Amino acid sequence: MHRFDTPPTVSNHFAWMRTRLAIERTFMAWLRTAVSLIGFGFTIVQFFQHLRDMDHTGHPIRAEAPRDLGLALIGAGLGSLIVAAWQYRQQLKYLWQGEFREIAALPEKPHRTPLFLAAMVLIAIGIFAFASVFFRLA
């Protein structure tokens, strides 16, 4: 039994395509946000490290504060990216289920998308950035 009546019409096909593209746009927005968080977190750590190395006036700043903030931002970017990637895969799986496969009018479900590959590369970069700050490699 189908939940929806989805005859393979032109309007249903284009509605499916609009939904598919909306999922892509949403995931790209999450990717941009994650890149910003990871990059900004790493930059904060680097900036304050260089500032502390240059400035010997003894301004009172807790030595670990920039590192902790940077780790929090990198972790937030990495966590949001992982959640967004999981949600993206779930939504694609839903769009390709039996009820909607016919209105997709595509010969085969794409197994990997370039956007998902970009997200996996960014997750690897985020893990490296987090580890390098956490273990003080950067």
C-alpha atoms as a PDB file:
ATOM      1  CA  MET A   1       0.000   0.000   0.000  1.00  0.00           C
ATOM      2  CA  HIS A   2       1.350   3.405  -1.009  1.00  0.00           C
ATOM      3  CA  ARG A   3       1.055   6.461   1.194  1.00  0.00           C
ATOM      4  CA  PHE A   4       0.901   8.787  -1.781  1.00  0.00           C
ATOM      5  CA  ASP A   5      -0.521   8.588  -5.245  1.00  0.00           C
ATOM      6  CA  THR A   6       2.490   9.484  -7.355  1.00  0.00           C
ATOM      7  CA  PRO A   7       1.741   8.999 -11.022  1.00  0.00           C
ATOM      8  CA  PRO A   8       4.746   9.597 -13.277  1.00  0.00           C
ATOM      9  CA  THR A   9       3.719  12.960 -14.683  1.00  0.00           C
ATOM     10  CA  VAL A  10       5.876  15.852 -15.797  1.00  0.00           C
ATOM     11  CA  SER A  11       4.759  18.021 -12.887  1.00  0.00           C
ATOM     12  CA  ASN A  12       5.526  15.269 -10.358  1.00  0.00           C
ATOM     13  CA  HIS A  13       8.928  14.678 -11.932  1.00  0.00           C
ATOM     14  CA  PHE A  14       9.842  18.354 -11.691  1.00  0.00           C
ATOM     15  CA  ALA A  15       8.524  18.514  -8.135  1.00  0.00           C
ATOM     16  CA  TRP A  16      10.811  15.568  -7.327  1.00  0.00           C
ATOM     17  CA  MET A  17      13.717  17.376  -8.998  1.00  0.00           C
ATOM     18  CA  ARG A  18      13.011  20.595  -7.055  1.00  0.00           C
ATOM     19  CA  THR A  19      12.982  18.616  -3.822  1.00  0.00           C
ATOM     20  CA  ARG A  20      16.227  16.875  -4.765  1.00  0.00           C
ATOM     21  CA  LEU A  21      17.897  20.202  -5.537  1.00  0.00           C
ATOM     22  CA  ALA A  22      16.569  21.719  -2.302  1.00  0.00           C
ATOM     23  CA  ILE A  23      18.244  18.872  -0.395  1.00  0.00           C
ATOM     24  CA  GLU A  24      21.500  19.642  -2.229  1.00  0.00           C
ATOM     25  CA  ARG A  25      21.248  23.372  -1.446  1.00  0.00           C
ATOM     26  CA  THR A  26      20.577  22.687   2.220  1.00  0.00           C
ATOM     27  CA  PHE A  27      23.543  20.340   2.451  1.00  0.00           C
ATOM     28  CA  MET A  28      25.774  22.900   0.712  1.00  0.00           C
ATOM     29  CA  ALA A  29      24.684  25.508   3.268  1.00  0.00           C
ATOM     30  CA  TRP A  30      25.683  23.121   6.055  1.00  0.00           C
ATOM     31  CA  LEU A  31      29.029  22.546   4.325  1.00  0.00           C
ATOM     32  CA  ARG A  32      29.679  26.296   4.137  1.00  0.00           C
ATOM     33  CA  THR A  33      28.802  26.679   7.802  1.00  0.00           C
ATOM     34  CA  ALA A  34      31.064  23.786   8.800  1.00  0.00           C
ATOM     35  CA  VAL A  35      33.965  25.172   6.738  1.00  0.00           C
ATOM     36  CA  SER A  36      33.510  28.537   8.448  1.00  0.00           C
ATOM     37  CA  LEU A  37      33.420  27.037  11.934  1.00  0.00           C
ATOM     38  CA  ILE A  38      36.410  24.765  11.365  1.00  0.00           C
ATOM     39  CA  GLY A  39      38.441  27.489   9.655  1.00  0.00           C
ATOM     40  CA  PHE A  40      37.585  30.141  12.214  1.00  0.00           C
ATOM     41  CA  GLY A  41      38.365  27.805  15.115  1.00  0.00           C
ATOM     42  CA  PHE A  42      41.745  26.915  13.656  1.00  0.00           C
ATOM     43  CA  THR A  43      42.475  30.575  12.893  1.00  0.00           C
ATOM     44  CA  ILE A  44      41.680  31.670  16.455  1.00  0.00           C
ATOM     45  CA  VAL A  45      44.131  29.133  17.843  1.00  0.00           C
ATOM     46  CA  GLN A  46      46.855  30.175  15.404  1.00  0.00           C
ATOM     47  CA  PHE A  47      46.261  33.924  15.846  1.00  0.00           C
ATOM     48  CA  PHE A  48      46.433  33.873  19.624  1.00  0.00           C
ATOM     49  CA  GLN A  49      49.410  31.515  19.583  1.00  0.00           C
ATOM     50  CA  HIS A  50      51.352  33.933  17.388  1.00  0.00           C
ATOM     51  CA  LEU A  51      50.124  36.904  19.421  1.00  0.00           C
ATOM     52  CA  ARG A  52      51.289  35.277  22.641  1.00  0.00           C
ATOM     53  CA  ASP A  53      54.680  34.491  21.055  1.00  0.00           C
ATOM     54  CA  MET A  54      55.117  38.126  19.908  1.00  0.00           C
ATOM     55  CA  ASP A  55      53.728  39.968  22.931  1.00  0.00           C
ATOM     56  CA  HIS A  56      55.804  39.788  26.081  1.00  0.00           C
ATOM     57  CA  THR A  57      53.985  42.505  28.015  1.00  0.00           C
ATOM     58  CA  GLY A  58      52.160  39.955  30.113  1.00  0.00           C
ATOM     59  CA  HIS A  59      48.546  40.725  29.288  1.00  0.00           C
ATOM     60  CA  PRO A  60      46.371  38.594  31.530  1.00  0.00           C
ATOM     61  CA  ILE A  61      44.796  35.927  29.333  1.00  0.00           C
ATOM     62  CA  ARG A  62      44.297  32.389  30.351  1.00  0.00           C
ATOM     63  CA  ALA A  63      46.760  30.430  28.216  1.00  0.00           C
ATOM     64  CA  GLU A  64      44.279  27.708  27.283  1.00  0.00           C
ATOM     65  CA  ALA A  65      41.296  29.966  26.478  1.00  0.00           C
ATOM     66  CA  PRO A  66      41.996  30.446  22.738  1.00  0.00           C
ATOM     67  CA  ARG A  67      42.791  26.755  22.340  1.00  0.00           C
ATOM     68  CA  ASP A  68      39.579  25.763  24.108  1.00  0.00           C
ATOM     69  CA  LEU A  69      37.517  28.157  22.002  1.00  0.00           C
ATOM     70  CA  GLY A  70      39.198  26.921  18.835  1.00  0.00           C
ATOM     71  CA  LEU A  71      38.555  23.297  19.780  1.00  0.00           C
ATOM     72  CA  ALA A  72      34.918  24.103  20.526  1.00  0.00           C
ATOM     73  CA  LEU A  73      34.460  25.787  17.138  1.00  0.00           C
ATOM     74  CA  ILE A  74      36.244  23.021  15.236  1.00  0.00           C
ATOM     75  CA  GLY A  75      34.227  20.401  17.131  1.00  0.00           C
ATOM     76  CA  ALA A  76      30.973  22.239  16.425  1.00  0.00           C
ATOM     77  CA  GLY A  77      31.802  22.436  12.723  1.00  0.00           C
ATOM     78  CA  LEU A  78      32.789  18.787  12.586  1.00  0.00           C
ATOM     79  CA  GLY A  79      29.736  17.659  14.550  1.00  0.00           C
ATOM     80  CA  SER A  80      27.332  19.704  12.453  1.00  0.00           C
ATOM     81  CA  LEU A  81      28.901  18.330   9.277  1.00  0.00           C
ATOM     82  CA  ILE A  82      28.527  14.736  10.441  1.00  0.00           C
ATOM     83  CA  VAL A  83      24.874  15.297  11.380  1.00  0.00           C
ATOM     84  CA  ALA A  84      24.206  17.097   8.086  1.00  0.00           C
ATOM     85  CA  ALA A  85      25.832  14.275   6.077  1.00  0.00           C
ATOM     86  CA  TRP A  86      23.725  11.689   7.886  1.00  0.00           C
ATOM     87  CA  GLN A  87      20.564  13.729   7.285  1.00  0.00           C
ATOM     88  CA  TYR A  88      21.481  14.204   3.605  1.00  0.00           C
ATOM     89  CA  ARG A  89      21.879  10.433   3.108  1.00  0.00           C
ATOM     90  CA  GLN A  90      18.565   9.754   4.878  1.00  0.00           C
ATOM     91  CA  GLN A  91      16.711  12.267   2.722  1.00  0.00           C
ATOM     92  CA  LEU A  92      18.196  10.848  -0.466  1.00  0.00           C
ATOM     93  CA  LYS A  93      17.262   7.354   0.625  1.00  0.00           C
ATOM     94  CA  TYR A  94      13.688   8.558   1.178  1.00  0.00           C
ATOM     95  CA  LEU A  95      13.532  10.196  -2.254  1.00  0.00           C
ATOM     96  CA  TRP A  96      14.710   7.011  -3.945  1.00  0.00           C
ATOM     97  CA  GLN A  97      12.301   4.650  -2.225  1.00  0.00           C
ATOM     98  CA  GLY A  98       9.809   2.688  -4.306  1.00  0.00           C
ATOM     99  CA  GLU A  99       6.971   5.209  -4.273  1.00  0.00           C
ATOM    100  CA  PHE A 100       9.072   7.974  -5.755  1.00  0.00           C
ATOM    101  CA  ARG A 101      11.503   6.005  -7.920  1.00  0.00           C
ATOM    102  CA  GLU A 102       9.085   6.067 -10.829  1.00  0.00           C
ATOM    103  CA  ILE A 103       8.676   9.853 -10.840  1.00  0.00           C
ATOM    104  CA  ALA A 104      12.445  10.359 -10.593  1.00  0.00           C
ATOM    105  CA  ALA A 105      12.621   9.216 -14.231  1.00  0.00           C
ATOM    106  CA  LEU A 106      16.310   8.456 -13.865  1.00  0.00           C
ATOM    107  CA  PRO A 107      17.748   5.103 -14.900  1.00  0.00           C
ATOM    108  CA  GLU A 108      19.621   4.438 -11.678  1.00  0.00           C
ATOM    109  CA  LYS A 109      20.103   5.909  -8.231  1.00  0.00           C
ATOM    110  CA  PRO A 110      23.489   7.615  -7.937  1.00  0.00           C
ATOM    111  CA  HIS A 111      25.462   5.848  -5.251  1.00  0.00           C
ATOM    112  CA  ARG A 112      27.883   8.673  -4.539  1.00  0.00           C
ATOM    113  CA  THR A 113      27.456  12.334  -5.250  1.00  0.00           C
ATOM    114  CA  PRO A 114      30.285  14.873  -5.598  1.00  0.00           C
ATOM    115  CA  LEU A 115      28.785  16.856  -2.741  1.00  0.00           C
ATOM    116  CA  PHE A 116      28.904  13.868  -0.397  1.00  0.00           C
ATOM    117  CA  LEU A 117      32.514  13.219  -1.423  1.00  0.00           C
ATOM    118  CA  ALA A 118      33.355  16.860  -0.646  1.00  0.00           C
ATOM    119  CA  ALA A 119      31.733  16.430   2.770  1.00  0.00           C
ATOM    120  CA  MET A 120      33.826  13.331   3.489  1.00  0.00           C
ATOM    121  CA  VAL A 121      37.021  15.212   2.550  1.00  0.00           C
ATOM    122  CA  LEU A 122      35.965  18.096   4.796  1.00  0.00           C
ATOM    123  CA  ILE A 123      35.267  15.701   7.664  1.00  0.00           C
ATOM    124  CA  ALA A 124      38.803  14.316   7.269  1.00  0.00           C
ATOM    125  CA  ILE A 125      40.220  17.859   7.264  1.00  0.00           C
ATOM    126  CA  GLY A 126      38.151  18.707  10.348  1.00  0.00           C
ATOM    127  CA  ILE A 127      39.391  15.644  12.191  1.00  0.00           C
ATOM    128  CA  PHE A 128      42.979  16.554  11.291  1.00  0.00           C
ATOM    129  CA  ALA A 129      42.470  20.170  12.430  1.00  0.00           C
ATOM    130  CA  PHE A 130      40.893  19.054  15.714  1.00  0.00           C
ATOM    131  CA  ALA A 131      43.658  16.529  16.379  1.00  0.00           C
ATOM    132  CA  SER A 132      46.425  18.980  15.521  1.00  0.00           C
ATOM    133  CA  VAL A 133      45.033  21.595  17.922  1.00  0.00           C
ATOM    134  CA  PHE A 134      44.176  19.054  20.619  1.00  0.00           C
ATOM    135  CA  PHE A 135      47.613  17.446  20.551  1.00  0.00           C
ATOM    136  CA  ARG A 136      49.317  20.824  19.993  1.00  0.00           C
ATOM    137  CA  LEU A 137      50.774  19.893  16.616  1.00  0.00           C
ATOM    138  CA  ALA A 138      49.803  23.227  15.075  1.00  0.00           C
END
